Amino acid sequence: MEGNAFLFLWIGFLLLMSTALGTLFLWAIRAGQFSNQERARYLALDAAIPDLEPPTETAPQAKGKQTRPEEV
């Protein structure tokens, strides 16, 4: 009987997940998620991390490296 219970639970889970994935796919089609393939092709290349600080004129120093003050 344990084998049958496991089989029925597995089939029930499979049906539940298949229905959920099918519903999600139908929603995506109706909502137009796949409508602009040209834009989707380049989204990963256009993504960038926004700068939190404005860029400085000098290059940042490496960690652990200290600069000497300029002599006047």
Foldseek 3Di string as FASTA:
>chain_A
DVVVVVVVVVVVVVVVVVVVVVVVVVVCVVVCVPVDVVCVVCPVVPDDDDDPDDDDPDDDDDPPDDDDDDDD
